[in-house]
Amino acid sequence: MSVSEHTTQKLVLASWVWMFPIKAFSKHITPAKSLTTKKVFDPLAPARQWLNTLAVDNPKKAHFLCQLIPAQCPFERDVQLFGRTLFHIPAMCKLNPLYEEVVGLRFRALCYLADECGEDITAYC
């Protein structure tokens, strides 16, 4: 099993676990407060599912994704005036609700290039 297949299975499994409510297996076992069976409305669930199941099966597509998605989280800055911090701009990855899925897609593209195509991916790291 290649690295990309293993990662894809883990990502799809992780998204599946969070999509469905967790139920107690026994009436004697009480789930933790975070594991209750409340259904939460998640409008981004279809986008998360689509990004997690997007197949990287073309070297051209993989190169495009690796160039498009940055390797590191974009800037995090403190805006200062006369030596005093006015405000803080958080890292952009903290503002993106689909950050984990996008990074997973980039990783799958890198794994495809390395495992299937045998290319050197150090230019994208």
PDB file of N, CA and C in Angstrom:
ATOM      1  N   MET A   1       0.860  -1.175   0.000  1.00  0.00           N
ATOM      2  CA  MET A   1       0.000   0.000   0.000  1.00  0.00           C
ATOM      3  C   MET A   1       0.901   1.231   0.000  1.00  0.00           C
ATOM      4  N   SER A   2       0.660   2.147  -0.892  1.00  0.00           N
ATOM      5  CA  SER A   2       1.483   3.346  -0.965  1.00  0.00           C
ATOM      6  C   SER A   2       1.059   4.352   0.111  1.00  0.00           C
ATOM      7  N   VAL A   3       1.881   5.356   0.291  1.00  0.00           N
ATOM      8  CA  VAL A   3       1.611   6.379   1.301  1.00  0.00           C
ATOM      9  C   VAL A   3       0.323   7.119   0.982  1.00  0.00           C
ATOM     10  N   SER A   4       0.095   7.420  -0.290  1.00  0.00           N
ATOM     11  CA  SER A   4      -1.106   8.167  -0.663  1.00  0.00           C
ATOM     12  C   SER A   4      -2.379   7.357  -0.406  1.00  0.00           C
ATOM     13  N   GLU A   5      -2.358   6.048  -0.674  1.00  0.00           N
ATOM     14  CA  GLU A   5      -3.530   5.226  -0.408  1.00  0.00           C
ATOM     15  C   GLU A   5      -3.830   5.175   1.081  1.00  0.00           C
ATOM     16  N   HIS A   6      -2.780   5.023   1.890  1.00  0.00           N
ATOM     17  CA  HIS A   6      -2.956   4.982   3.335  1.00  0.00           C
ATOM     18  C   HIS A   6      -3.547   6.290   3.856  1.00  0.00           C
ATOM     19  N   THR A   7      -3.009   7.418   3.370  1.00  0.00           N
ATOM     20  CA  THR A   7      -3.478   8.728   3.810  1.00  0.00           C
ATOM     21  C   THR A   7      -4.906   8.976   3.360  1.00  0.00           C
ATOM     22  N   THR A   8      -5.230   8.603   2.138  1.00  0.00           N
ATOM     23  CA  THR A   8      -6.583   8.790   1.631  1.00  0.00           C
ATOM     24  C   THR A   8      -7.577   8.019   2.475  1.00  0.00           C
ATOM     25  N   GLN A   9      -7.239   6.796   2.840  1.00  0.00           N
ATOM     26  CA  GLN A   9      -8.146   6.008   3.669  1.00  0.00           C
ATOM     27  C   GLN A   9      -8.328   6.652   5.026  1.00  0.00           C
ATOM     28  N   LYS A  10      -7.247   7.181   5.611  1.00  0.00           N
ATOM     29  CA  LYS A  10      -7.345   7.824   6.922  1.00  0.00           C
ATOM     30  C   LYS A  10      -8.193   9.085   6.835  1.00  0.00           C
ATOM     31  N   LEU A  11      -8.009   9.895   5.764  1.00  0.00           N
ATOM     32  CA  LEU A  11      -8.771  11.135   5.629  1.00  0.00           C
ATOM     33  C   LEU A  11     -10.252  10.851   5.425  1.00  0.00           C
ATOM     34  N   VAL A  12     -10.561   9.885   4.581  1.00  0.00           N
ATOM     35  CA  VAL A  12     -11.956   9.557   4.330  1.00  0.00           C
ATOM     36  C   VAL A  12     -12.588   8.995   5.594  1.00  0.00           C
ATOM     37  N   LEU A  13     -11.863   8.153   6.329  1.00  0.00           N
ATOM     38  CA  LEU A  13     -12.374   7.604   7.576  1.00  0.00           C
ATOM     39  C   LEU A  13     -12.612   8.713   8.593  1.00  0.00           C
ATOM     40  N   ALA A  14     -11.672   9.664   8.677  1.00  0.00           N
ATOM     41  CA  ALA A  14     -11.825  10.761   9.637  1.00  0.00           C
ATOM     42  C   ALA A  14     -13.048  11.603   9.303  1.00  0.00           C
ATOM     43  N   SER A  15     -13.280  11.886   8.031  1.00  0.00           N
ATOM     44  CA  SER A  15     -14.447  12.690   7.667  1.00  0.00           C
ATOM     45  C   SER A  15     -15.736  11.906   7.890  1.00  0.00           C
ATOM     46  N   TRP A  16     -15.696  10.587   7.716  1.00  0.00           N
ATOM     47  CA  TRP A  16     -16.880   9.764   7.942  1.00  0.00           C
ATOM     48  C   TRP A  16     -17.249   9.739   9.412  1.00  0.00           C
ATOM     49  N   VAL A  17     -16.261   9.660  10.273  1.00  0.00           N
ATOM     50  CA  VAL A  17     -16.526   9.600  11.705  1.00  0.00           C
ATOM     51  C   VAL A  17     -17.209  10.869  12.178  1.00  0.00           C
ATOM     52  N   TRP A  18     -16.821  12.018  11.675  1.00  0.00           N
ATOM     53  CA  TRP A  18     -17.393  13.279  12.126  1.00  0.00           C
ATOM     54  C   TRP A  18     -18.734  13.589  11.490  1.00  0.00           C
ATOM     55  N   MET A  19     -19.093  12.915  10.414  1.00  0.00           N
ATOM     56  CA  MET A  19     -20.352  13.219   9.738  1.00  0.00           C
ATOM     57  C   MET A  19     -21.555  12.581  10.441  1.00  0.00           C
ATOM     58  N   PHE A  20     -21.370  11.440  11.057  1.00  0.00           N
ATOM     59  CA  PHE A  20     -22.471  10.716  11.643  1.00  0.00           C
ATOM     60  C   PHE A  20     -22.430  10.825  13.158  1.00  0.00           C
ATOM     61  N   PRO A  21     -23.590  10.890  13.808  1.00  0.00           N
ATOM     62  CA  PRO A  21     -23.595  10.985  15.264  1.00  0.00           C
ATOM     63  C   PRO A  21     -23.098   9.696  15.903  1.00  0.00           C
ATOM     64  N   ILE A  22     -22.490   9.856  17.042  1.00  0.00           N
ATOM     65  CA  ILE A  22     -21.972   8.710  17.776  1.00  0.00           C
ATOM     66  C   ILE A  22     -23.013   8.306  18.807  1.00  0.00           C
ATOM     67  N   LYS A  23     -23.338   7.032  18.867  1.00  0.00           N
ATOM     68  CA  LYS A  23     -24.337   6.539  19.814  1.00  0.00           C
ATOM     69  C   LYS A  23     -23.649   5.683  20.872  1.00  0.00           C
ATOM     70  N   ALA A  24     -24.201   5.674  22.046  1.00  0.00           N
ATOM     71  CA  ALA A  24     -23.666   4.829  23.116  1.00  0.00           C
ATOM     72  C   ALA A  24     -23.922   3.377  22.758  1.00  0.00           C
ATOM     73  N   PHE A  25     -22.949   2.517  22.997  1.00  0.00           N
ATOM     74  CA  PHE A  25     -23.077   1.117  22.648  1.00  0.00           C
ATOM     75  C   PHE A  25     -23.884   0.333  23.680  1.00  0.00           C
ATOM     76  N   SER A  26     -24.004   0.870  24.845  1.00  0.00           N
ATOM     77  CA  SER A  26     -24.740   0.179  25.886  1.00  0.00           C
ATOM     78  C   SER A  26     -25.511   1.202  26.692  1.00  0.00           C
ATOM     79  N   LYS A  27     -26.620   0.777  27.266  1.00  0.00           N
ATOM     80  CA  LYS A  27     -27.393   1.722  28.068  1.00  0.00           C
ATOM     81  C   LYS A  27     -26.697   2.014  29.389  1.00  0.00           C
ATOM     82  N   HIS A  28     -25.724   1.175  29.762  1.00  0.00           N
ATOM     83  CA  HIS A  28     -24.979   1.394  30.993  1.00  0.00           C
ATOM     84  C   HIS A  28     -23.796   2.351  30.788  1.00  0.00           C
ATOM     85  N   ILE A  29     -23.401   2.524  29.560  1.00  0.00           N
ATOM     86  CA  ILE A  29     -22.275   3.412  29.255  1.00  0.00           C
ATOM     87  C   ILE A  29     -22.844   4.764  28.861  1.00  0.00           C
ATOM     88  N   THR A  30     -22.452   5.782  29.569  1.00  0.00           N
ATOM     89  CA  THR A  30     -22.909   7.129  29.219  1.00  0.00           C
ATOM     90  C   THR A  30     -21.792   7.821  28.461  1.00  0.00           C
ATOM     91  N   PRO A  31     -22.076   8.342  27.268  1.00  0.00           N
ATOM     92  CA  PRO A  31     -21.035   8.991  26.477  1.00  0.00           C
ATOM     93  C   PRO A  31     -20.620  10.305  27.109  1.00  0.00           C
ATOM     94  N   ALA A  32     -19.416  10.735  26.769  1.00  0.00           N
ATOM     95  CA  ALA A  32     -18.925  12.024  27.245  1.00  0.00           C
ATOM     96  C   ALA A  32     -19.776  13.135  26.656  1.00  0.00           C
ATOM     97  N   LYS A  33     -19.666  14.322  27.215  1.00  0.00           N
ATOM     98  CA  LYS A  33     -20.515  15.431  26.773  1.00  0.00           C
ATOM     99  C   LYS A  33     -20.290  15.751  25.294  1.00  0.00           C
ATOM    100  N   SER A  34     -19.040  15.631  24.811  1.00  0.00           N
ATOM    101  CA  SER A  34     -18.763  15.929  23.417  1.00  0.00           C
ATOM    102  C   SER A  34     -19.208  14.812  22.480  1.00  0.00           C
ATOM    103  N   LEU A  35     -19.535  13.645  23.003  1.00  0.00           N
ATOM    104  CA  LEU A  35     -19.928  12.515  22.175  1.00  0.00           C
ATOM    105  C   LEU A  35     -21.436  12.291  22.170  1.00  0.00           C
ATOM    106  N   THR A  36     -22.199  13.301  22.452  1.00  0.00           N
ATOM    107  CA  THR A  36     -23.649  13.154  22.455  1.00  0.00           C
ATOM    108  C   THR A  36     -24.157  12.961  21.038  1.00  0.00           C
ATOM    109  N   THR A  37     -25.415  12.562  20.921  1.00  0.00           N
ATOM    110  CA  THR A  37     -25.973  12.260  19.610  1.00  0.00           C
ATOM    111  C   THR A  37     -26.663  13.457  18.963  1.00  0.00           C
ATOM    112  N   LYS A  38     -26.373  14.651  19.403  1.00  0.00           N
ATOM    113  CA  LYS A  38     -26.961  15.830  18.781  1.00  0.00           C
ATOM    114  C   LYS A  38     -26.433  15.981  17.360  1.00  0.00           C
ATOM    115  N   LYS A  39     -27.329  16.267  16.447  1.00  0.00           N
ATOM    116  CA  LYS A  39     -26.919  16.500  15.066  1.00  0.00           C
ATOM    117  C   LYS A  39     -26.626  17.982  14.900  1.00  0.00           C
ATOM    118  N   VAL A  40     -25.479  18.256  14.358  1.00  0.00           N
ATOM    119  CA  VAL A  40     -25.045  19.633  14.165  1.00  0.00           C
ATOM    120  C   VAL A  40     -25.160  19.961  12.672  1.00  0.00           C
ATOM    121  N   PHE A  41     -25.749  21.103  12.387  1.00  0.00           N
ATOM    122  CA  PHE A  41     -25.861  21.551  11.002  1.00  0.00           C
ATOM    123  C   PHE A  41     -24.499  22.036  10.528  1.00  0.00           C
ATOM    124  N   ASP A  42     -23.964  21.399   9.525  1.00  0.00           N
ATOM    125  CA  ASP A  42     -22.660  21.764   8.975  1.00  0.00           C
ATOM    126  C   ASP A  42     -22.824  22.068   7.488  1.00  0.00           C
ATOM    127  N   PRO A  43     -22.935  23.354   7.116  1.00  0.00           N
ATOM    128  CA  PRO A  43     -23.141  23.688   5.703  1.00  0.00           C
ATOM    129  C   PRO A  43     -21.931  23.380   4.834  1.00  0.00           C
ATOM    130  N   LEU A  44     -20.761  23.195   5.433  1.00  0.00           N
ATOM    131  CA  LEU A  44     -19.558  22.908   4.656  1.00  0.00           C
ATOM    132  C   LEU A  44     -19.289  21.412   4.498  1.00  0.00           C
ATOM    133  N   ALA A  45     -20.164  20.564   5.014  1.00  0.00           N
ATOM    134  CA  ALA A  45     -19.964  19.117   4.925  1.00  0.00           C
ATOM    135  C   ALA A  45     -19.845  18.623   3.481  1.00  0.00           C
ATOM    136  N   PRO A  46     -20.675  19.096   2.536  1.00  0.00           N
ATOM    137  CA  PRO A  46     -20.497  18.642   1.143  1.00  0.00           C
ATOM    138  C   PRO A  46     -19.142  19.050   0.559  1.00  0.00           C
ATOM    139  N   ALA A  47     -18.679  20.246   0.882  1.00  0.00           N
ATOM    140  CA  ALA A  47     -17.373  20.682   0.380  1.00  0.00           C
ATOM    141  C   ALA A  47     -16.255  19.851   0.996  1.00  0.00           C
ATOM    142  N   ARG A  48     -16.377  19.548   2.284  1.00  0.00           N
ATOM    143  CA  ARG A  48     -15.375  18.704   2.942  1.00  0.00           C
ATOM    144  C   ARG A  48     -15.344  17.314   2.297  1.00  0.00           C
ATOM    145  N   GLN A  49     -16.504  16.746   2.075  1.00  0.00           N
ATOM    146  CA  GLN A  49     -16.607  15.419   1.452  1.00  0.00           C
ATOM    147  C   GLN A  49     -15.995  15.438   0.056  1.00  0.00           C
ATOM    148  N   TRP A  50     -16.297  16.470  -0.715  1.00  0.00           N
ATOM    149  CA  TRP A  50     -15.777  16.565  -2.079  1.00  0.00           C
ATOM    150  C   TRP A  50     -14.262  16.677  -2.077  1.00  0.00           C
ATOM    151  N   LEU A  51     -13.709  17.523  -1.199  1.00  0.00           N
ATOM    152  CA  LEU A  51     -12.256  17.674  -1.142  1.00  0.00           C
ATOM    153  C   LEU A  51     -11.573  16.393  -0.681  1.00  0.00           C
ATOM    154  N   ASN A  52     -12.192  15.674   0.246  1.00  0.00           N
ATOM    155  CA  ASN A  52     -11.593  14.438   0.741  1.00  0.00           C
ATOM    156  C   ASN A  52     -11.650  13.304  -0.269  1.00  0.00           C
ATOM    157  N   THR A  53     -12.614  13.332  -1.174  1.00  0.00           N
ATOM    158  CA  THR A  53     -12.740  12.258  -2.156  1.00  0.00           C
ATOM    159  C   THR A  53     -12.200  12.626  -3.531  1.00  0.00           C
ATOM    160  N   LEU A  54     -11.681  13.838  -3.666  1.00  0.00           N
ATOM    161  CA  LEU A  54     -11.125  14.277  -4.949  1.00  0.00           C
ATOM    162  C   LEU A  54      -9.902  13.432  -5.288  1.00  0.00           C
ATOM    163  N   ALA A  55      -9.933  12.792  -6.434  1.00  0.00           N
ATOM    164  CA  ALA A  55      -8.846  11.889  -6.838  1.00  0.00           C
ATOM    165  C   ALA A  55      -7.747  12.666  -7.551  1.00  0.00           C
ATOM    166  N   VAL A  56      -6.540  12.349  -7.191  1.00  0.00           N
ATOM    167  CA  VAL A  56      -5.371  12.918  -7.877  1.00  0.00           C
ATOM    168  C   VAL A  56      -4.817  11.787  -8.731  1.00  0.00           C
ATOM    169  N   ASP A  57      -5.145  11.816 -10.023  1.00  0.00           N
ATOM    170  CA  ASP A  57      -4.765  10.725 -10.912  1.00  0.00           C
ATOM    171  C   ASP A  57      -4.085  11.204 -12.188  1.00  0.00           C
ATOM    172  N   ASN A  58      -3.636  12.449 -12.193  1.00  0.00           N
ATOM    173  CA  ASN A  58      -3.026  13.036 -13.366  1.00  0.00           C
ATOM    174  C   ASN A  58      -1.833  13.870 -12.905  1.00  0.00           C
ATOM    175  N   PRO A  59      -0.636  13.666 -13.488  1.00  0.00           N
ATOM    176  CA  PRO A  59       0.533  14.444 -13.058  1.00  0.00           C
ATOM    177  C   PRO A  59       0.359  15.950 -13.254  1.00  0.00           C
ATOM    178  N   LYS A  60      -0.313  16.332 -14.308  1.00  0.00           N
ATOM    179  CA  LYS A  60      -0.536  17.755 -14.558  1.00  0.00           C
ATOM    180  C   LYS A  60      -1.414  18.367 -13.457  1.00  0.00           C
ATOM    181  N   LYS A  61      -2.453  17.654 -13.087  1.00  0.00           N
ATOM    182  CA  LYS A  61      -3.350  18.089 -12.018  1.00  0.00           C
ATOM    183  C   LYS A  61      -2.608  18.135 -10.672  1.00  0.00           C
ATOM    184  N   ALA A  62      -1.758  17.144 -10.418  1.00  0.00           N
ATOM    185  CA  ALA A  62      -0.992  17.101  -9.170  1.00  0.00           C
ATOM    186  C   ALA A  62      -0.019  18.278  -9.089  1.00  0.00           C
ATOM    187  N   HIS A  63       0.661  18.583 -10.174  1.00  0.00           N
ATOM    188  CA  HIS A  63       1.569  19.738 -10.199  1.00  0.00           C
ATOM    189  C   HIS A  63       0.800  21.037  -9.963  1.00  0.00           C
ATOM    190  N   PHE A  64      -0.365  21.157 -10.579  1.00  0.00           N
ATOM    191  CA  PHE A  64      -1.183  22.356 -10.406  1.00  0.00           C
ATOM    192  C   PHE A  64      -1.603  22.532  -8.943  1.00  0.00           C
ATOM    193  N   LEU A  65      -2.036  21.439  -8.311  1.00  0.00           N
ATOM    194  CA  LEU A  65      -2.452  21.512  -6.906  1.00  0.00           C
ATOM    195  C   LEU A  65      -1.280  21.859  -5.990  1.00  0.00           C
ATOM    196  N   CYS A  66      -0.113  21.285  -6.260  1.00  0.00           N
ATOM    197  CA  CYS A  66       1.064  21.568  -5.426  1.00  0.00           C
ATOM    198  C   CYS A  66       1.511  23.018  -5.574  1.00  0.00           C
ATOM    199  N   GLN A  67       1.354  23.595  -6.742  1.00  0.00           N
ATOM    200  CA  GLN A  67       1.710  25.000  -6.946  1.00  0.00           C
ATOM    201  C   GLN A  67       0.645  25.929  -6.365  1.00  0.00           C
ATOM    202  N   LEU A  68      -0.593  25.530  -6.429  1.00  0.00           N
ATOM    203  CA  LEU A  68      -1.701  26.363  -5.982  1.00  0.00           C
ATOM    204  C   LEU A  68      -1.810  26.436  -4.457  1.00  0.00           C
ATOM    205  N   ILE A  69      -1.648  25.326  -3.790  1.00  0.00           N
ATOM    206  CA  ILE A  69      -1.806  25.261  -2.329  1.00  0.00           C
ATOM    207  C   ILE A  69      -0.448  25.487  -1.680  1.00  0.00           C
ATOM    208  N   PRO A  70      -0.309  26.502  -0.818  1.00  0.00           N
ATOM    209  CA  PRO A  70       0.990  26.787  -0.207  1.00  0.00           C
ATOM    210  C   PRO A  70       1.418  25.700   0.783  1.00  0.00           C
ATOM    211  N   ALA A  71       2.734  25.546   0.938  1.00  0.00           N
ATOM    212  CA  ALA A  71       3.275  24.537   1.843  1.00  0.00           C
ATOM    213  C   ALA A  71       3.133  24.955   3.300  1.00  0.00           C
ATOM    214  N   GLN A  72       3.139  26.249   3.553  1.00  0.00           N
ATOM    215  CA  GLN A  72       3.019  26.753   4.915  1.00  0.00           C
ATOM    216  C   GLN A  72       1.835  27.688   5.006  1.00  0.00           C
ATOM    217  N   CYS A  73       1.378  27.872   6.198  1.00  0.00           N
ATOM    218  CA  CYS A  73       0.256  28.766   6.450  1.00  0.00           C
ATOM    219  C   CYS A  73       0.692  30.203   6.124  1.00  0.00           C
ATOM    220  N   PRO A  74      -0.096  30.939   5.326  1.00  0.00           N
ATOM    221  CA  PRO A  74       0.277  32.319   4.998  1.00  0.00           C
ATOM    222  C   PRO A  74       0.381  33.211   6.229  1.00  0.00           C
ATOM    223  N   PHE A  75       0.860  34.374   6.022  1.00  0.00           N
ATOM    224  CA  PHE A  75       1.347  35.300   7.050  1.00  0.00           C
ATOM    225  C   PHE A  75       0.520  35.403   8.328  1.00  0.00           C
ATOM    226  N   GLU A  76       1.259  35.652   9.384  1.00  0.00           N
ATOM    227  CA  GLU A  76       0.678  35.978  10.682  1.00  0.00           C
ATOM    228  C   GLU A  76       1.457  37.208  11.129  1.00  0.00           C
ATOM    229  N   ARG A  77       0.792  38.302  11.331  1.00  0.00           N
ATOM    230  CA  ARG A  77       1.483  39.576  11.587  1.00  0.00           C
ATOM    231  C   ARG A  77       0.934  40.312  12.797  1.00  0.00           C
ATOM    232  N   ASP A  78       1.791  41.116  13.376  1.00  0.00           N
ATOM    233  CA  ASP A  78       1.400  42.114  14.369  1.00  0.00           C
ATOM    234  C   ASP A  78       1.552  43.464  13.714  1.00  0.00           C
ATOM    235  N   VAL A  79       0.510  44.261  13.668  1.00  0.00           N
ATOM    236  CA  VAL A  79       0.567  45.606  13.098  1.00  0.00           C
ATOM    237  C   VAL A  79       0.961  46.548  14.229  1.00  0.00           C
ATOM    238  N   GLN A  80       2.108  47.205  14.043  1.00  0.00           N
ATOM    239  CA  GLN A  80       2.641  48.065  15.091  1.00  0.00           C
ATOM    240  C   GLN A  80       2.750  49.499  14.607  1.00  0.00           C
ATOM    241  N   LEU A  81       2.603  50.409  15.545  1.00  0.00           N
ATOM    242  CA  LEU A  81       2.760  51.842  15.279  1.00  0.00           C
ATOM    243  C   LEU A  81       3.503  52.449  16.467  1.00  0.00           C
ATOM    244  N   PHE A  82       4.652  53.040  16.186  1.00  0.00           N
ATOM    245  CA  PHE A  82       5.502  53.637  17.214  1.00  0.00           C
ATOM    246  C   PHE A  82       5.871  52.623  18.304  1.00  0.00           C
ATOM    247  N   GLY A  83       6.140  51.392  17.912  1.00  0.00           N
ATOM    248  CA  GLY A  83       6.571  50.376  18.855  1.00  0.00           C
ATOM    249  C   GLY A  83       5.457  49.721  19.652  1.00  0.00           C
ATOM    250  N   ARG A  84       4.229  50.108  19.440  1.00  0.00           N
ATOM    251  CA  ARG A  84       3.094  49.512  20.151  1.00  0.00           C
ATOM    252  C   ARG A  84       2.265  48.685  19.169  1.00  0.00           C
ATOM    253  N   THR A  85       1.842  47.535  19.619  1.00  0.00           N
ATOM    254  CA  THR A  85       1.040  46.654  18.775  1.00  0.00           C
ATOM    255  C   THR A  85      -0.399  47.158  18.742  1.00  0.00           C
ATOM    256  N   LEU A  86      -0.871  47.483  17.521  1.00  0.00           N
ATOM    257  CA  LEU A  86      -2.248  47.948  17.351  1.00  0.00           C
ATOM    258  C   LEU A  86      -3.226  46.772  17.313  1.00  0.00           C
ATOM    259  N   PHE A  87      -2.916  45.787  16.479  1.00  0.00           N
ATOM    260  CA  PHE A  87      -3.743  44.594  16.390  1.00  0.00           C
ATOM    261  C   PHE A  87      -2.936  43.459  15.791  1.00  0.00           C
ATOM    262  N   HIS A  88      -3.482  42.274  15.928  1.00  0.00           N
ATOM    263  CA  HIS A  88      -2.833  41.047  15.472  1.00  0.00           C
ATOM    264  C   HIS A  88      -3.663  40.417  14.360  1.00  0.00           C
ATOM    265  N   ILE A  89      -3.032  40.086  13.250  1.00  0.00           N
ATOM    266  CA  ILE A  89      -3.699  39.377  12.155  1.00  0.00           C
ATOM    267  C   ILE A  89      -3.348  37.899  12.329  1.00  0.00           C
ATOM    268  N   PRO A  90      -4.334  37.038  12.570  1.00  0.00           N
ATOM    269  CA  PRO A  90      -4.024  35.616  12.786  1.00  0.00           C
ATOM    270  C   PRO A  90      -3.577  34.948  11.488  1.00  0.00           C
ATOM    271  N   ALA A  91      -2.990  33.797  11.633  1.00  0.00           N
ATOM    272  CA  ALA A  91      -2.581  33.022  10.464  1.00  0.00           C
ATOM    273  C   ALA A  91      -3.817  32.688   9.638  1.00  0.00           C
ATOM    274  N   MET A  92      -3.675  32.755   8.328  1.00  0.00           N
ATOM    275  CA  MET A  92      -4.824  32.543   7.452  1.00  0.00           C
ATOM    276  C   MET A  92      -5.406  31.136   7.566  1.00  0.00           C
ATOM    277  N   CYS A  93      -4.602  30.161   7.948  1.00  0.00           N
ATOM    278  CA  CYS A  93      -5.134  28.802   8.072  1.00  0.00           C
ATOM    279  C   CYS A  93      -6.154  28.704   9.194  1.00  0.00           C
ATOM    280  N   LYS A  94      -6.038  29.555  10.197  1.00  0.00           N
ATOM    281  CA  LYS A  94      -7.008  29.534  11.295  1.00  0.00           C
ATOM    282  C   LYS A  94      -8.346  30.117  10.859  1.00  0.00           C
ATOM    283  N   LEU A  95      -8.356  30.892   9.789  1.00  0.00           N
ATOM    284  CA  LEU A  95      -9.586  31.493   9.303  1.00  0.00           C
ATOM    285  C   LEU A  95     -10.294  30.628   8.264  1.00  0.00           C
ATOM    286  N   ASN A  96      -9.582  29.678   7.669  1.00  0.00           N
ATOM    287  CA  ASN A  96     -10.132  28.838   6.617  1.00  0.00           C
ATOM    288  C   ASN A  96     -10.777  27.589   7.226  1.00  0.00           C
ATOM    289  N   PRO A  97     -12.090  27.442   7.118  1.00  0.00           N
ATOM    290  CA  PRO A  97     -12.734  26.272   7.716  1.00  0.00           C
ATOM    291  C   PRO A  97     -12.432  24.968   6.975  1.00  0.00           C
ATOM    292  N   LEU A  98     -11.902  25.048   5.771  1.00  0.00           N
ATOM    293  CA  LEU A  98     -11.579  23.853   4.991  1.00  0.00           C
ATOM    294  C   LEU A  98     -10.071  23.609   4.926  1.00  0.00           C
ATOM    295  N   TYR A  99      -9.318  24.185   5.842  1.00  0.00           N
ATOM    296  CA  TYR A  99      -7.860  24.112   5.797  1.00  0.00           C
ATOM    297  C   TYR A  99      -7.356  22.673   5.850  1.00  0.00           C
ATOM    298  N   GLU A 100      -7.875  21.862   6.745  1.00  0.00           N
ATOM    299  CA  GLU A 100      -7.414  20.476   6.885  1.00  0.00           C
ATOM    300  C   GLU A 100      -7.638  19.682   5.596  1.00  0.00           C
ATOM    301  N   GLU A 101      -8.761  19.889   4.954  1.00  0.00           N
ATOM    302  CA  GLU A 101      -9.065  19.162   3.724  1.00  0.00           C
ATOM    303  C   GLU A 101      -8.161  19.609   2.577  1.00  0.00           C
ATOM    304  N   VAL A 102      -7.885  20.911   2.498  1.00  0.00           N
ATOM    305  CA  VAL A 102      -7.027  21.437   1.430  1.00  0.00           C
ATOM    306  C   VAL A 102      -5.597  20.935   1.612  1.00  0.00           C
ATOM    307  N   VAL A 103      -5.104  20.930   2.839  1.00  0.00           N
ATOM    308  CA  VAL A 103      -3.758  20.421   3.105  1.00  0.00           C
ATOM    309  C   VAL A 103      -3.693  18.926   2.796  1.00  0.00           C
ATOM    310  N   GLY A 104      -4.750  18.189   3.123  1.00  0.00           N
ATOM    311  CA  GLY A 104      -4.797  16.770   2.779  1.00  0.00           C
ATOM    312  C   GLY A 104      -4.764  16.543   1.277  1.00  0.00           C
ATOM    313  N   LEU A 105      -5.443  17.391   0.531  1.00  0.00           N
ATOM    314  CA  LEU A 105      -5.429  17.295  -0.931  1.00  0.00           C
ATOM    315  C   LEU A 105      -4.031  17.557  -1.476  1.00  0.00           C
ATOM    316  N   ARG A 106      -3.350  18.546  -0.934  1.00  0.00           N
ATOM    317  CA  ARG A 106      -1.972  18.840  -1.360  1.00  0.00           C
ATOM    318  C   ARG A 106      -1.057  17.663  -1.040  1.00  0.00           C
ATOM    319  N   PHE A 107      -1.246  17.073   0.125  1.00  0.00           N
ATOM    320  CA  PHE A 107      -0.438  15.918   0.505  1.00  0.00           C
ATOM    321  C   PHE A 107      -0.676  14.741  -0.433  1.00  0.00           C
ATOM    322  N   ARG A 108      -1.932  14.499  -0.797  1.00  0.00           N
ATOM    323  CA  ARG A 108      -2.230  13.412  -1.738  1.00  0.00           C
ATOM    324  C   ARG A 108      -1.590  13.681  -3.096  1.00  0.00           C
ATOM    325  N   ALA A 109      -1.578  14.944  -3.526  1.00  0.00           N
ATOM    326  CA  ALA A 109      -0.938  15.289  -4.796  1.00  0.00           C
ATOM    327  C   ALA A 109       0.573  15.052  -4.723  1.00  0.00           C
ATOM    328  N   LEU A 110       1.191  15.437  -3.607  1.00  0.00           N
ATOM    329  CA  LEU A 110       2.625  15.197  -3.437  1.00  0.00           C
ATOM    330  C   LEU A 110       2.938  13.707  -3.407  1.00  0.00           C
ATOM    331  N   CYS A 111       2.115  12.951  -2.713  1.00  0.00           N
ATOM    332  CA  CYS A 111       2.324  11.498  -2.661  1.00  0.00           C
ATOM    333  C   CYS A 111       2.150  10.858  -4.032  1.00  0.00           C
ATOM    334  N   TYR A 112       1.194  11.352  -4.799  1.00  0.00           N
ATOM    335  CA  TYR A 112       0.989  10.819  -6.153  1.00  0.00           C
ATOM    336  C   TYR A 112       2.228  11.070  -7.006  1.00  0.00           C
ATOM    337  N   LEU A 113       2.754  12.288  -6.925  1.00  0.00           N
ATOM    338  CA  LEU A 113       3.943  12.607  -7.724  1.00  0.00           C
ATOM    339  C   LEU A 113       5.145  11.768  -7.302  1.00  0.00           C
ATOM    340  N   ALA A 114       5.300  11.559  -5.991  1.00  0.00           N
ATOM    341  CA  ALA A 114       6.450  10.804  -5.499  1.00  0.00           C
ATOM    342  C   ALA A 114       6.283   9.299  -5.715  1.00  0.00           C
ATOM    343  N   ASP A 115       5.121   8.751  -5.373  1.00  0.00           N
ATOM    344  CA  ASP A 115       4.914   7.298  -5.429  1.00  0.00           C
ATOM    345  C   ASP A 115       4.629   6.788  -6.834  1.00  0.00           C
ATOM    346  N   GLU A 116       3.673   7.398  -7.494  1.00  0.00           N
ATOM    347  CA  GLU A 116       3.229   6.889  -8.797  1.00  0.00           C
ATOM    348  C   GLU A 116       4.096   7.362  -9.947  1.00  0.00           C
ATOM    349  N   CYS A 117       4.495   8.645  -9.924  1.00  0.00           N
ATOM    350  CA  CYS A 117       5.249   9.204 -11.045  1.00  0.00           C
ATOM    351  C   CYS A 117       6.754   9.128 -10.827  1.00  0.00           C
ATOM    352  N   GLY A 118       7.188   8.927  -9.591  1.00  0.00           N
ATOM    353  CA  GLY A 118       8.614   8.848  -9.299  1.00  0.00           C
ATOM    354  C   GLY A 118       9.343  10.165  -9.454  1.00  0.00           C
ATOM    355  N   GLU A 119       8.641  11.283  -9.281  1.00  0.00           N
ATOM    356  CA  GLU A 119       9.255  12.602  -9.448  1.00  0.00           C
ATOM    357  C   GLU A 119       9.832  13.107  -8.139  1.00  0.00           C
ATOM    358  N   ASP A 120      10.762  14.039  -8.270  1.00  0.00           N
ATOM    359  CA  ASP A 120      11.363  14.683  -7.101  1.00  0.00           C
ATOM    360  C   ASP A 120      10.449  15.825  -6.669  1.00  0.00           C
ATOM    361  N   ILE A 121       9.983  15.796  -5.428  1.00  0.00           N
ATOM    362  CA  ILE A 121       9.026  16.795  -4.947  1.00  0.00           C
ATOM    363  C   ILE A 121       9.659  17.826  -4.030  1.00  0.00           C
ATOM    364  N   THR A 122      10.980  17.873  -3.959  1.00  0.00           N
ATOM    365  CA  THR A 122      11.626  18.825  -3.057  1.00  0.00           C
ATOM    366  C   THR A 122      11.368  20.271  -3.449  1.00  0.00           C
ATOM    367  N   ALA A 123      11.008  20.532  -4.676  1.00  0.00           N
ATOM    368  CA  ALA A 123      10.694  21.908  -5.109  1.00  0.00           C
ATOM    369  C   ALA A 123       9.409  22.413  -4.465  1.00  0.00           C
ATOM    370  N   TYR A 124       8.541  21.504  -4.025  1.00  0.00           N
ATOM    371  CA  TYR A 124       7.261  21.896  -3.436  1.00  0.00           C
ATOM    372  C   TYR A 124       7.287  21.930  -1.906  1.00  0.00           C
ATOM    373  N   CYS A 125       8.396  21.579  -1.308  1.00  0.00           N
ATOM    374  CA  CYS A 125       8.482  21.531   0.158  1.00  0.00           C
ATOM    375  C   CYS A 125       9.014  22.829   0.744  1.00  0.00           C
TER     376      CYS A 125
END
